[in-house]
């Protein structure tokens, strides 16, 4: 059963091996979240640069219940976070 995480958005681009690692984890977890392709949508790259001072991907945007936003770079950290939050055990 596909789950959706509306508080998450992944900044990425196709062909990036680190981004592909995160996309595989999403598929394995059967998890949908907003995908923000920084090459296809220049506004997403601009938003990422404004928030982090750089445009490197992948970066996971996590919106907290209070509206605070956390930016998580590094594919391994993102995969670990997703597995801990959405994994079966």
Protein backbone atom coordinates (compact mmCIF):
# COMPACT_ATOMS: atom_id res chain seq x y z
CA UNK A 1 0.00 0.00 0.00
CA UNK A 2 1.54 3.26 -1.14
CA UNK A 3 1.98 5.86 1.57
CA UNK A 4 2.29 9.59 1.00
CA UNK A 5 4.45 11.93 3.03
CA UNK A 6 3.03 15.39 2.46
CA UNK A 7 5.56 17.01 4.79
CA UNK A 8 8.50 15.93 2.61
CA UNK A 9 9.92 17.10 -0.71
CA UNK A 10 13.00 15.73 -2.46
CA UNK A 11 15.19 18.05 -4.51
CA UNK A 12 16.95 15.93 -7.14
CA UNK A 13 17.68 15.42 -10.81
CA UNK A 14 17.51 12.29 -12.95
CA UNK A 15 20.87 10.71 -13.66
CA UNK A 16 22.45 11.81 -10.39
CA UNK A 17 23.66 8.55 -8.77
CA UNK A 18 23.10 9.87 -5.24
CA UNK A 19 19.59 10.97 -6.15
CA UNK A 20 18.91 7.57 -7.72
CA UNK A 21 19.89 5.94 -4.41
CA UNK A 22 17.15 7.95 -2.66
CA UNK A 23 14.62 7.27 -5.42
CA UNK A 24 15.28 3.51 -5.08
CA UNK A 25 14.66 3.75 -1.33
CA UNK A 26 11.36 5.53 -2.00
CA UNK A 27 10.33 2.73 -4.35
CA UNK A 28 11.35 0.04 -1.87
CA UNK A 29 9.40 1.76 0.90
CA UNK A 30 6.44 2.30 -1.47
CA UNK A 31 6.48 5.94 -0.43
CA UNK A 32 5.35 8.95 -2.44
CA UNK A 33 6.47 12.47 -1.75
CA UNK A 34 6.85 15.62 -3.78
CA UNK A 35 9.74 15.36 -6.22
CA UNK A 36 11.33 18.68 -7.15
CA UNK A 37 13.58 18.23 -10.19
CA UNK A 38 16.11 21.08 -10.06
CA UNK A 39 17.03 20.68 -13.74
CA UNK A 40 13.49 20.59 -15.09
CA UNK A 41 12.24 23.34 -12.77
CA UNK A 42 14.73 26.21 -12.29
CA UNK A 43 12.51 27.66 -9.54
CA UNK A 44 13.25 24.60 -7.42
CA UNK A 45 17.01 25.07 -7.81
CA UNK A 46 16.62 28.75 -6.89
CA UNK A 47 14.60 27.83 -3.80
CA UNK A 48 17.23 25.29 -2.77
CA UNK A 49 20.06 27.80 -3.25
CA UNK A 50 18.18 30.46 -1.30
CA UNK A 51 17.61 28.08 1.60
CA UNK A 52 21.01 26.35 1.70
CA UNK A 53 23.39 28.63 -0.14
CA UNK A 54 24.12 25.90 -2.70
CA UNK A 55 22.24 23.88 -5.28
CA UNK A 56 23.71 20.42 -4.77
CA UNK A 57 21.31 17.48 -4.57
CA UNK A 58 19.81 15.31 -3.23
CA UNK A 59 18.29 17.29 -0.41
CA UNK A 60 15.19 16.34 1.55
CA UNK A 61 12.98 19.21 2.73
CA UNK A 62 11.17 18.30 5.92
CA UNK A 63 8.31 20.56 7.07
CA UNK A 64 7.58 20.25 10.76
CA UNK A 65 4.10 20.48 12.29
CA UNK A 66 4.97 23.97 13.56
CA UNK A 67 5.91 25.14 10.06
CA UNK A 68 9.67 24.98 10.66
CA UNK A 69 11.64 23.56 7.74
CA UNK A 70 14.68 21.31 8.01
CA UNK A 71 16.94 20.61 5.03
CA UNK A 72 18.66 17.20 4.98
CA UNK A 73 21.47 16.70 2.44
CA UNK A 74 23.46 13.50 1.79
CA UNK A 75 21.79 10.51 0.18
CA UNK A 76 22.79 8.03 2.90
CA UNK A 77 21.36 10.25 5.63
CA UNK A 78 18.14 10.72 3.66
CA UNK A 79 17.76 6.97 3.07
CA UNK A 80 18.43 6.25 6.76
CA UNK A 81 15.83 8.84 7.81
CA UNK A 82 13.22 7.43 5.42
CA UNK A 83 13.87 3.84 6.54
CA UNK A 84 13.65 4.79 10.23
CA UNK A 85 10.46 6.79 9.74
CA UNK A 86 8.63 4.62 7.20
CA UNK A 87 10.30 1.20 7.31
CA UNK A 88 8.60 -1.87 8.66
CA UNK A 89 10.97 -2.45 11.47
